[in-house]
Amino acid sequence: HQCAVYVFGDPCNAVLSFFSRRIQRHARHGMTWSHAETP
């Protein structure tokens, strides 16, 4: 009953996102579970 989903996108934006998270993280990254926080 199981399968996999692979999400792909522009690698240039992805790499920029990697380094941006060294400085700040958005709630929309899915890196927080607090319902009080907005994306």
PDB file of all heavy atoms in Angstrom:
ATOM      1  N   HIS A   1       0.806  -1.215   0.000  1.00  0.00           N
ATOM      2  CA  HIS A   1       0.000   0.000   0.000  1.00  0.00           C
ATOM      3  C   HIS A   1       0.841   1.268   0.000  1.00  0.00           C
ATOM      4  O   HIS A   1       0.310   2.381   0.053  1.00  0.00           O
ATOM      5  CB  HIS A   1      -0.919   0.017   1.229  1.00  0.00           C
ATOM      6  CG  HIS A   1      -0.168   0.175   2.529  1.00  0.00           C
ATOM      7  ND1 HIS A   1       0.539  -0.847   3.106  1.00  0.00           N
ATOM      8  CD2 HIS A   1      -0.017   1.246   3.352  1.00  0.00           C
ATOM      9  CE1 HIS A   1       1.097  -0.425   4.235  1.00  0.00           C
ATOM     10  NE2 HIS A   1       0.770   0.842   4.413  1.00  0.00           N
ATOM     11  N   GLN A   2       2.178   1.133  -0.088  1.00  0.00           N
ATOM     12  CA  GLN A   2       3.046   2.291   0.041  1.00  0.00           C
ATOM     13  C   GLN A   2       3.667   2.699  -1.298  1.00  0.00           C
ATOM     14  O   GLN A   2       3.844   1.863  -2.191  1.00  0.00           O
ATOM     15  CB  GLN A   2       4.171   1.999   1.046  1.00  0.00           C
ATOM     16  CG  GLN A   2       3.669   1.805   2.470  1.00  0.00           C
ATOM     17  CD  GLN A   2       4.780   1.386   3.421  1.00  0.00           C
ATOM     18  OE1 GLN A   2       5.730   0.710   3.037  1.00  0.00           O
ATOM     19  NE2 GLN A   2       4.655   1.795   4.677  1.00  0.00           N
ATOM     20  N   CYS A   3       4.001   3.987  -1.414  1.00  0.00           N
ATOM     21  CA  CYS A   3       4.718   4.468  -2.586  1.00  0.00           C
ATOM     22  C   CYS A   3       5.603   5.634  -2.131  1.00  0.00           C
ATOM     23  O   CYS A   3       5.656   5.968  -0.942  1.00  0.00           O
ATOM     24  CB  CYS A   3       3.766   4.897  -3.692  1.00  0.00           C
ATOM     25  SG  CYS A   3       2.879   6.420  -3.353  1.00  0.00           S
ATOM     26  N   ALA A   4       6.289   6.245  -3.078  1.00  0.00           N
ATOM     27  CA  ALA A   4       7.175   7.364  -2.763  1.00  0.00           C
ATOM     28  C   ALA A   4       6.822   8.558  -3.634  1.00  0.00           C
ATOM     29  O   ALA A   4       6.327   8.406  -4.755  1.00  0.00           O
ATOM     30  CB  ALA A   4       8.632   6.966  -2.977  1.00  0.00           C
ATOM     31  N   VAL A   5       7.065   9.746  -3.120  1.00  0.00           N
ATOM     32  CA  VAL A   5       6.869  10.991  -3.866  1.00  0.00           C
ATOM     33  C   VAL A   5       8.192  11.743  -3.838  1.00  0.00           C
ATOM     34  O   VAL A   5       8.750  12.008  -2.762  1.00  0.00           O
ATOM     35  CB  VAL A   5       5.762  11.863  -3.248  1.00  0.00           C
ATOM     36  CG1 VAL A   5       5.708  13.221  -3.949  1.00  0.00           C
ATOM     37  CG2 VAL A   5       4.417  11.164  -3.348  1.00  0.00           C
ATOM     38  N   TYR A   6       8.707  12.068  -5.022  1.00  0.00           N
ATOM     39  CA  TYR A   6       9.969  12.805  -5.131  1.00  0.00           C
ATOM     40  C   TYR A   6       9.652  14.206  -5.635  1.00  0.00           C
ATOM     41  O   TYR A   6       9.081  14.377  -6.712  1.00  0.00           O
ATOM     42  CB  TYR A   6      10.910  12.098  -6.101  1.00  0.00           C
ATOM     43  CG  TYR A   6      12.309  12.680  -6.125  1.00  0.00           C
ATOM     44  CD1 TYR A   6      13.342  12.059  -5.442  1.00  0.00           C
ATOM     45  CD2 TYR A   6      12.601  13.839  -6.835  1.00  0.00           C
ATOM     46  CE1 TYR A   6      14.628  12.583  -5.448  1.00  0.00           C
ATOM     47  CE2 TYR A   6      13.874  14.378  -6.848  1.00  0.00           C
ATOM     48  CZ  TYR A   6      14.889  13.739  -6.156  1.00  0.00           C
ATOM     49  OH  TYR A   6      16.165  14.267  -6.170  1.00  0.00           O
ATOM     50  N   VAL A   7      10.022  15.215  -4.853  1.00  0.00           N
ATOM     51  CA  VAL A   7       9.786  16.606  -5.229  1.00  0.00           C
ATOM     52  C   VAL A   7      11.092  17.194  -5.771  1.00  0.00           C
ATOM     53  O   VAL A   7      12.132  17.111  -5.116  1.00  0.00           O
ATOM     54  CB  VAL A   7       9.286  17.443  -4.030  1.00  0.00           C
ATOM     55  CG1 VAL A   7       8.911  18.849  -4.488  1.00  0.00           C
ATOM     56  CG2 VAL A   7       8.088  16.765  -3.365  1.00  0.00           C
ATOM     57  N   PHE A   8      11.026  17.747  -6.977  1.00  0.00           N
ATOM     58  CA  PHE A   8      12.216  18.343  -7.571  1.00  0.00           C
ATOM     59  C   PHE A   8      11.935  19.800  -7.923  1.00  0.00           C
ATOM     60  O   PHE A   8      10.776  20.236  -7.961  1.00  0.00           O
ATOM     61  CB  PHE A   8      12.660  17.568  -8.817  1.00  0.00           C
ATOM     62  CG  PHE A   8      11.659  17.559  -9.943  1.00  0.00           C
ATOM     63  CD1 PHE A   8      11.699  18.513 -10.940  1.00  0.00           C
ATOM     64  CD2 PHE A   8      10.668  16.577 -10.009  1.00  0.00           C
ATOM     65  CE1 PHE A   8      10.777  18.511 -11.979  1.00  0.00           C
ATOM     66  CE2 PHE A   8       9.738  16.558 -11.048  1.00  0.00           C
ATOM     67  CZ  PHE A   8       9.794  17.536 -12.038  1.00  0.00           C
ATOM     68  N   GLY A   9      12.963  20.557  -8.169  1.00  0.00           N
ATOM     69  CA  GLY A   9      12.806  21.961  -8.528  1.00  0.00           C
ATOM     70  C   GLY A   9      14.120  22.526  -9.012  1.00  0.00           C
ATOM     71  O   GLY A   9      15.117  21.809  -9.137  1.00  0.00           O
ATOM     72  N   ASP A  10      14.138  23.805  -9.273  1.00  0.00           N
ATOM     73  CA  ASP A  10      15.337  24.464  -9.782  1.00  0.00           C
ATOM     74  C   ASP A  10      16.483  24.292  -8.777  1.00  0.00           C
ATOM     75  O   ASP A  10      16.391  24.765  -7.639  1.00  0.00           O
ATOM     76  CB  ASP A  10      15.048  25.952 -10.007  1.00  0.00           C
ATOM     77  CG  ASP A  10      16.181  26.673 -10.713  1.00  0.00           C
ATOM     78  OD1 ASP A  10      17.347  26.307 -10.508  1.00  0.00           O
ATOM     79  OD2 ASP A  10      15.895  27.612 -11.476  1.00  0.00           O
ATOM     80  N   PRO A  11      17.574  23.643  -9.157  1.00  0.00           N
ATOM     81  CA  PRO A  11      18.661  23.407  -8.191  1.00  0.00           C
ATOM     82  C   PRO A  11      19.333  24.699  -7.735  1.00  0.00           C
ATOM     83  O   PRO A  11      19.846  24.753  -6.612  1.00  0.00           O
ATOM     84  CB  PRO A  11      19.642  22.520  -8.975  1.00  0.00           C
ATOM     85  CG  PRO A  11      19.342  22.773 -10.416  1.00  0.00           C
ATOM     86  CD  PRO A  11      17.871  23.055 -10.478  1.00  0.00           C
ATOM     87  N   CYS A  12      19.329  25.733  -8.575  1.00  0.00           N
ATOM     88  CA  CYS A  12      19.962  26.994  -8.172  1.00  0.00           C
ATOM     89  C   CYS A  12      19.219  27.611  -6.992  1.00  0.00           C
ATOM     90  O   CYS A  12      19.832  28.087  -6.019  1.00  0.00           O
ATOM     91  CB  CYS A  12      19.997  27.965  -9.350  1.00  0.00           C
ATOM     92  SG  CYS A  12      20.984  27.396 -10.753  1.00  0.00           S
ATOM     93  N   ASN A  13      17.880  27.610  -7.052  1.00  0.00           N
ATOM     94  CA  ASN A  13      17.092  28.135  -5.938  1.00  0.00           C
ATOM     95  C   ASN A  13      17.249  27.264  -4.696  1.00  0.00           C
ATOM     96  O   ASN A  13      17.278  27.756  -3.571  1.00  0.00           O
ATOM     97  CB  ASN A  13      15.622  28.226  -6.323  1.00  0.00           C
ATOM     98  CG  ASN A  13      15.334  29.401  -7.240  1.00  0.00           C
ATOM     99  OD1 ASN A  13      16.058  30.392  -7.230  1.00  0.00           O
ATOM    100  ND2 ASN A  13      14.294  29.291  -8.044  1.00  0.00           N
ATOM    101  N   ALA A  14      17.323  25.945  -4.902  1.00  0.00           N
ATOM    102  CA  ALA A  14      17.471  25.038  -3.760  1.00  0.00           C
ATOM    103  C   ALA A  14      18.779  25.310  -3.017  1.00  0.00           C
ATOM    104  O   ALA A  14      18.806  25.383  -1.784  1.00  0.00           O
ATOM    105  CB  ALA A  14      17.422  23.586  -4.242  1.00  0.00           C
ATOM    106  N   VAL A  15      19.865  25.474  -3.763  1.00  0.00           N
ATOM    107  CA  VAL A  15      21.163  25.725  -3.129  1.00  0.00           C
ATOM    108  C   VAL A  15      21.157  27.060  -2.408  1.00  0.00           C
ATOM    109  O   VAL A  15      21.679  27.190  -1.290  1.00  0.00           O
ATOM    110  CB  VAL A  15      22.287  25.672  -4.189  1.00  0.00           C
ATOM    111  CG1 VAL A  15      23.598  26.200  -3.617  1.00  0.00           C
ATOM    112  CG2 VAL A  15      22.472  24.242  -4.675  1.00  0.00           C
ATOM    113  N   LEU A  16      20.554  28.063  -3.030  1.00  0.00           N
ATOM    114  CA  LEU A  16      20.447  29.363  -2.363  1.00  0.00           C
ATOM    115  C   LEU A  16      19.661  29.228  -1.061  1.00  0.00           C
ATOM    116  O   LEU A  16      20.006  29.832  -0.037  1.00  0.00           O
ATOM    117  CB  LEU A  16      19.779  30.364  -3.297  1.00  0.00           C
ATOM    118  CG  LEU A  16      19.617  31.798  -2.774  1.00  0.00           C
ATOM    119  CD1 LEU A  16      20.967  32.382  -2.360  1.00  0.00           C
ATOM    120  CD2 LEU A  16      18.967  32.669  -3.842  1.00  0.00           C
ATOM    121  N   SER A  17      18.611  28.394  -1.074  1.00  0.00           N
ATOM    122  CA  SER A  17      17.829  28.155   0.135  1.00  0.00           C
ATOM    123  C   SER A  17      18.664  27.497   1.222  1.00  0.00           C
ATOM    124  O   SER A  17      18.558  27.835   2.404  1.00  0.00           O
ATOM    125  CB  SER A  17      16.616  27.281  -0.197  1.00  0.00           C
ATOM    126  OG  SER A  17      15.879  26.945   0.961  1.00  0.00           O
ATOM    127  N   PHE A  18      19.533  26.532   0.822  1.00  0.00           N
ATOM    128  CA  PHE A  18      20.395  25.873   1.804  1.00  0.00           C
ATOM    129  C   PHE A  18      21.204  26.910   2.583  1.00  0.00           C
ATOM    130  O   PHE A  18      21.266  26.882   3.816  1.00  0.00           O
ATOM    131  CB  PHE A  18      21.379  24.914   1.125  1.00  0.00           C
ATOM    132  CG  PHE A  18      20.749  23.785   0.359  1.00  0.00           C
ATOM    133  CD1 PHE A  18      21.486  23.092  -0.584  1.00  0.00           C
ATOM    134  CD2 PHE A  18      19.441  23.400   0.584  1.00  0.00           C
ATOM    135  CE1 PHE A  18      20.935  22.044  -1.297  1.00  0.00           C
ATOM    136  CE2 PHE A  18      18.864  22.359  -0.122  1.00  0.00           C
ATOM    137  CZ  PHE A  18      19.620  21.683  -1.072  1.00  0.00           C
ATOM    138  N   PHE A  19      21.840  27.814   1.848  1.00  0.00           N
ATOM    139  CA  PHE A  19      22.724  28.773   2.507  1.00  0.00           C
ATOM    140  C   PHE A  19      21.944  29.872   3.216  1.00  0.00           C
ATOM    141  O   PHE A  19      22.417  30.421   4.216  1.00  0.00           O
ATOM    142  CB  PHE A  19      23.707  29.351   1.481  1.00  0.00           C
ATOM    143  CG  PHE A  19      24.806  28.395   1.121  1.00  0.00           C
ATOM    144  CD1 PHE A  19      24.725  27.609  -0.017  1.00  0.00           C
ATOM    145  CD2 PHE A  19      25.917  28.249   1.946  1.00  0.00           C
ATOM    146  CE1 PHE A  19      25.724  26.710  -0.345  1.00  0.00           C
ATOM    147  CE2 PHE A  19      26.927  27.350   1.636  1.00  0.00           C
ATOM    148  CZ  PHE A  19      26.831  26.574   0.489  1.00  0.00           C
ATOM    149  N   SER A  20      20.744  30.182   2.740  1.00  0.00           N
ATOM    150  CA  SER A  20      19.928  31.189   3.420  1.00  0.00           C
ATOM    151  C   SER A  20      19.558  30.733   4.827  1.00  0.00           C
ATOM    152  O   SER A  20      19.451  31.546   5.751  1.00  0.00           O
ATOM    153  CB  SER A  20      18.653  31.474   2.613  1.00  0.00           C
ATOM    154  OG  SER A  20      18.955  32.028   1.360  1.00  0.00           O
ATOM    155  N   ARG A  21      19.361  29.423   4.991  1.00  0.00           N
ATOM    156  CA  ARG A  21      18.927  28.915   6.295  1.00  0.00           C
ATOM    157  C   ARG A  21      20.049  28.943   7.330  1.00  0.00           C
ATOM    158  O   ARG A  21      19.809  28.681   8.499  1.00  0.00           O
ATOM    159  CB  ARG A  21      18.376  27.502   6.148  1.00  0.00           C
ATOM    160  CG  ARG A  21      17.110  27.472   5.310  1.00  0.00           C
ATOM    161  CD  ARG A  21      16.491  26.107   5.290  1.00  0.00           C
ATOM    162  NE  ARG A  21      15.820  25.851   4.026  1.00  0.00           N
ATOM    163  CZ  ARG A  21      15.165  24.735   3.756  1.00  0.00           C
ATOM    164  NH1 ARG A  21      15.098  23.780   4.656  1.00  0.00           N
ATOM    165  NH2 ARG A  21      14.592  24.561   2.584  1.00  0.00           N
ATOM    166  N   ARG A  22      21.267  29.256   6.902  1.00  0.00           N
ATOM    167  CA  ARG A  22      22.336  29.503   7.877  1.00  0.00           C
ATOM    168  C   ARG A  22      22.072  30.810   8.624  1.00  0.00           C
ATOM    169  O   ARG A  22      22.580  31.002   9.732  1.00  0.00           O
ATOM    170  CB  ARG A  22      23.687  29.599   7.180  1.00  0.00           C
ATOM    171  CG  ARG A  22      24.181  28.324   6.538  1.00  0.00           C
ATOM    172  CD  ARG A  22      25.500  28.536   5.804  1.00  0.00           C
ATOM    173  NE  ARG A  22      26.563  28.903   6.701  1.00  0.00           N
ATOM    174  CZ  ARG A  22      27.129  30.112   6.748  1.00  0.00           C
ATOM    175  NH1 ARG A  22      26.693  31.080   5.951  1.00  0.00           N
ATOM    176  NH2 ARG A  22      28.106  30.370   7.591  1.00  0.00           N
ATOM    177  N   ILE A  23      21.304  31.699   7.969  1.00  0.00           N
ATOM    178  CA  ILE A  23      21.085  33.042   8.526  1.00  0.00           C
ATOM    179  C   ILE A  23      19.719  33.140   9.188  1.00  0.00           C
ATOM    180  O   ILE A  23      19.588  33.631  10.306  1.00  0.00           O
ATOM    181  CB  ILE A  23      21.208  34.094   7.407  1.00  0.00           C
ATOM    182  CG1 ILE A  23      22.594  33.979   6.760  1.00  0.00           C
ATOM    183  CG2 ILE A  23      20.971  35.494   7.951  1.00  0.00           C
ATOM    184  CD1 ILE A  23      22.747  34.785   5.493  1.00  0.00           C
ATOM    185  N   GLN A  24      18.679  32.664   8.495  1.00  0.00           N
ATOM    186  CA  GLN A  24      17.344  32.691   9.091  1.00  0.00           C
ATOM    187  C   GLN A  24      16.507  31.549   8.528  1.00  0.00           C
ATOM    188  O   GLN A  24      16.771  31.056   7.440  1.00  0.00           O
ATOM    189  CB  GLN A  24      16.642  34.026   8.829  1.00  0.00           C
ATOM    190  CG  GLN A  24      16.325  34.291   7.365  1.00  0.00           C
ATOM    191  CD  GLN A  24      15.584  35.616   7.184  1.00  0.00           C
ATOM    192  OE1 GLN A  24      15.622  36.483   8.049  1.00  0.00           O
ATOM    193  NE2 GLN A  24      14.903  35.760   6.066  1.00  0.00           N
ATOM    194  N   ARG A  25      15.516  31.152   9.313  1.00  0.00           N
ATOM    195  CA  ARG A  25      14.610  30.075   8.895  1.00  0.00           C
ATOM    196  C   ARG A  25      13.182  30.594   8.925  1.00  0.00           C
ATOM    197  O   ARG A  25      12.763  31.209   9.894  1.00  0.00           O
ATOM    198  CB  ARG A  25      14.753  28.870   9.822  1.00  0.00           C
ATOM    199  CG  ARG A  25      16.102  28.208   9.788  1.00  0.00           C
ATOM    200  CD  ARG A  25      16.144  27.015  10.722  1.00  0.00           C
ATOM    201  NE  ARG A  25      15.940  27.413  12.117  1.00  0.00           N
ATOM    202  CZ  ARG A  25      15.658  26.569  13.101  1.00  0.00           C
ATOM    203  NH1 ARG A  25      15.520  25.281  12.845  1.00  0.00           N
ATOM    204  NH2 ARG A  25      15.497  26.993  14.327  1.00  0.00           N
ATOM    205  N   HIS A  26      12.451  30.315   7.848  1.00  0.00           N
ATOM    206  CA  HIS A  26      11.040  30.663   7.801  1.00  0.00           C
ATOM    207  C   HIS A  26      10.207  29.511   8.350  1.00  0.00           C
ATOM    208  O   HIS A  26      10.559  28.343   8.190  1.00  0.00           O
ATOM    209  CB  HIS A  26      10.592  30.926   6.355  1.00  0.00           C
ATOM    210  CG  HIS A  26      11.121  32.214   5.813  1.00  0.00           C
ATOM    211  ND1 HIS A  26      10.457  33.404   5.925  1.00  0.00           N
ATOM    212  CD2 HIS A  26      12.269  32.483   5.146  1.00  0.00           C
ATOM    213  CE1 HIS A  26      11.169  34.360   5.349  1.00  0.00           C
ATOM    214  NE2 HIS A  26      12.267  33.824   4.859  1.00  0.00           N
ATOM    215  N   ALA A  27       9.079  29.846   8.964  1.00  0.00           N
ATOM    216  CA  ALA A  27       8.156  28.799   9.401  1.00  0.00           C
ATOM    217  C   ALA A  27       7.639  28.010   8.210  1.00  0.00           C
ATOM    218  O   ALA A  27       7.303  26.834   8.322  1.00  0.00           O
ATOM    219  CB  ALA A  27       6.990  29.408  10.179  1.00  0.00           C
ATOM    220  N   ARG A  28       7.596  28.646   7.023  1.00  0.00           N
ATOM    221  CA  ARG A  28       7.092  27.926   5.851  1.00  0.00           C
ATOM    222  C   ARG A  28       8.057  26.845   5.367  1.00  0.00           C
ATOM    223  O   ARG A  28       7.722  26.052   4.490  1.00  0.00           O
ATOM    224  CB  ARG A  28       6.785  28.900   4.711  1.00  0.00           C
ATOM    225  CG  ARG A  28       7.976  29.655   4.158  1.00  0.00           C
ATOM    226  CD  ARG A  28       7.568  30.435   2.900  1.00  0.00           C
ATOM    227  NE  ARG A  28       8.626  31.284   2.388  1.00  0.00           N
ATOM    228  CZ  ARG A  28       8.811  32.541   2.725  1.00  0.00           C
ATOM    229  NH1 ARG A  28       7.996  33.119   3.594  1.00  0.00           N
ATOM    230  NH2 ARG A  28       9.797  33.263   2.214  1.00  0.00           N
ATOM    231  N   HIS A  29       9.289  26.843   5.919  1.00  0.00           N
ATOM    232  CA  HIS A  29      10.192  25.743   5.594  1.00  0.00           C
ATOM    233  C   HIS A  29       9.728  24.441   6.236  1.00  0.00           C
ATOM    234  O   HIS A  29      10.307  23.385   5.990  1.00  0.00           O
ATOM    235  CB  HIS A  29      11.612  26.048   6.097  1.00  0.00           C
ATOM    236  CG  HIS A  29      12.314  27.080   5.281  1.00  0.00           C
ATOM    237  ND1 HIS A  29      13.216  27.961   5.830  1.00  0.00           N
ATOM    238  CD2 HIS A  29      12.254  27.389   3.963  1.00  0.00           C
ATOM    239  CE1 HIS A  29      13.690  28.761   4.881  1.00  0.00           C
ATOM    240  NE2 HIS A  29      13.112  28.420   3.737  1.00  0.00           N
ATOM    241  N   GLY A  30       8.692  24.537   7.091  1.00  0.00           N
ATOM    242  CA  GLY A  30       8.251  23.329   7.782  1.00  0.00           C
ATOM    243  C   GLY A  30       9.166  22.975   8.944  1.00  0.00           C
ATOM    244  O   GLY A  30       9.173  21.849   9.415  1.00  0.00           O
ATOM    245  N   MET A  31       9.951  23.944   9.398  1.00  0.00           N
ATOM    246  CA  MET A  31      10.930  23.665  10.436  1.00  0.00           C
ATOM    247  C   MET A  31      10.419  24.060  11.818  1.00  0.00           C
ATOM    248  O   MET A  31      11.163  24.173  12.765  1.00  0.00           O
ATOM    249  CB  MET A  31      12.243  24.389  10.118  1.00  0.00           C
ATOM    250  CG  MET A  31      12.816  23.997   8.773  1.00  0.00           C
ATOM    251  SD  MET A  31      14.312  24.878   8.309  1.00  0.00           S
ATOM    252  CE  MET A  31      15.527  23.987   9.256  1.00  0.00           C
ATOM    253  N   THR A  32       9.135  24.316  11.925  1.00  0.00           N
ATOM    254  CA  THR A  32       8.544  24.604  13.229  1.00  0.00           C
ATOM    255  C   THR A  32       7.190  23.922  13.300  1.00  0.00           C
ATOM    256  O   THR A  32       6.538  23.689  12.289  1.00  0.00           O
ATOM    257  CB  THR A  32       8.372  26.114  13.447  1.00  0.00           C
ATOM    258  OG1 THR A  32       7.703  26.315  14.683  1.00  0.00           O
ATOM    259  CG2 THR A  32       7.539  26.750  12.341  1.00  0.00           C
ATOM    260  N   TRP A  33       6.777  23.571  14.495  1.00  0.00           N
ATOM    261  CA  TRP A  33       5.477  22.906  14.663  1.00  0.00           C
ATOM    262  C   TRP A  33       4.539  23.727  15.541  1.00  0.00           C
ATOM    263  O   TRP A  33       3.503  23.270  15.963  1.00  0.00           O
ATOM    264  CB  TRP A  33       5.679  21.530  15.282  1.00  0.00           C
ATOM    265  CG  TRP A  33       6.247  20.579  14.293  1.00  0.00           C
ATOM    266  CD1 TRP A  33       7.563  20.360  14.030  1.00  0.00           C
ATOM    267  CD2 TRP A  33       5.523  19.738  13.405  1.00  0.00           C
ATOM    268  NE1 TRP A  33       7.709  19.438  13.036  1.00  0.00           N
ATOM    269  CE2 TRP A  33       6.477  19.025  12.640  1.00  0.00           C
ATOM    270  CE3 TRP A  33       4.178  19.511  13.174  1.00  0.00           C
ATOM    271  CZ2 TRP A  33       6.115  18.111  11.671  1.00  0.00           C
ATOM    272  CZ3 TRP A  33       3.817  18.594  12.223  1.00  0.00           C
ATOM    273  CH2 TRP A  33       4.779  17.908  11.471  1.00  0.00           C
ATOM    274  N   SER A  34       4.921  24.961  15.813  1.00  0.00           N
ATOM    275  CA  SER A  34       4.071  25.798  16.652  1.00  0.00           C
ATOM    276  C   SER A  34       2.933  26.383  15.818  1.00  0.00           C
ATOM    277  O   SER A  34       3.155  27.075  14.834  1.00  0.00           O
ATOM    278  CB  SER A  34       4.894  26.940  17.277  1.00  0.00           C
ATOM    279  OG  SER A  34       4.033  27.847  17.912  1.00  0.00           O
ATOM    280  N   HIS A  35       1.690  26.099  16.205  1.00  0.00           N
ATOM    281  CA  HIS A  35       0.542  26.610  15.464  1.00  0.00           C
ATOM    282  C   HIS A  35       0.383  28.117  15.644  1.00  0.00           C
ATOM    283  O   HIS A  35      -0.358  28.760  14.907  1.00  0.00           O
ATOM    284  CB  HIS A  35      -0.740  25.901  15.922  1.00  0.00           C
ATOM    285  CG  HIS A  35      -0.744  24.452  15.586  1.00  0.00           C
ATOM    286  ND1 HIS A  35      -0.790  23.978  14.297  1.00  0.00           N
ATOM    287  CD2 HIS A  35      -0.669  23.359  16.384  1.00  0.00           C
ATOM    288  CE1 HIS A  35      -0.782  22.649  14.304  1.00  0.00           C
ATOM    289  NE2 HIS A  35      -0.702  22.253  15.563  1.00  0.00           N
ATOM    290  N   ALA A  36       1.084  28.659  16.624  1.00  0.00           N
ATOM    291  CA  ALA A  36       0.976  30.093  16.856  1.00  0.00           C
ATOM    292  C   ALA A  36       1.768  30.887  15.822  1.00  0.00           C
ATOM    293  O   ALA A  36       1.549  32.076  15.644  1.00  0.00           O
ATOM    294  CB  ALA A  36       1.482  30.439  18.263  1.00  0.00           C
ATOM    295  N   GLU A  37       2.689  30.236  15.165  1.00  0.00           N
ATOM    296  CA  GLU A  37       3.552  30.945  14.219  1.00  0.00           C
ATOM    297  C   GLU A  37       2.937  30.931  12.821  1.00  0.00           C
ATOM    298  O   GLU A  37       2.352  29.943  12.395  1.00  0.00           O
ATOM    299  CB  GLU A  37       4.938  30.295  14.188  1.00  0.00           C
ATOM    300  CG  GLU A  37       5.690  30.468  15.499  1.00  0.00           C
ATOM    301  CD  GLU A  37       6.921  29.578  15.566  1.00  0.00           C
ATOM    302  OE1 GLU A  37       6.902  28.506  14.939  1.00  0.00           O
ATOM    303  OE2 GLU A  37       7.874  29.974  16.244  1.00  0.00           O
ATOM    304  N   THR A  38       3.094  32.011  12.135  1.00  0.00           N
ATOM    305  CA  THR A  38       2.608  32.105  10.758  1.00  0.00           C
ATOM    306  C   THR A  38       3.754  31.747   9.817  1.00  0.00           C
ATOM    307  O   THR A  38       4.926  31.812  10.186  1.00  0.00           O
ATOM    308  CB  THR A  38       2.125  33.532  10.447  1.00  0.00           C
ATOM    309  OG1 THR A  38       3.259  34.413  10.438  1.00  0.00           O
ATOM    310  CG2 THR A  38       1.118  33.989  11.467  1.00  0.00           C
ATOM    311  N   PRO A  39       3.432  31.376   8.569  1.00  0.00           N
ATOM    312  CA  PRO A  39       4.489  30.997   7.627  1.00  0.00           C
ATOM    313  C   PRO A  39       5.513  32.090   7.378  1.00  0.00           C
ATOM    314  O   PRO A  39       6.621  31.790   6.947  1.00  0.00           O
ATOM    315  CB  PRO A  39       3.699  30.673   6.349  1.00  0.00           C
ATOM    316  CG  PRO A  39       2.341  30.275   6.828  1.00  0.00           C
ATOM    317  CD  PRO A  39       2.083  31.140   8.021  1.00  0.00           C
TER     318      PRO A  39
END
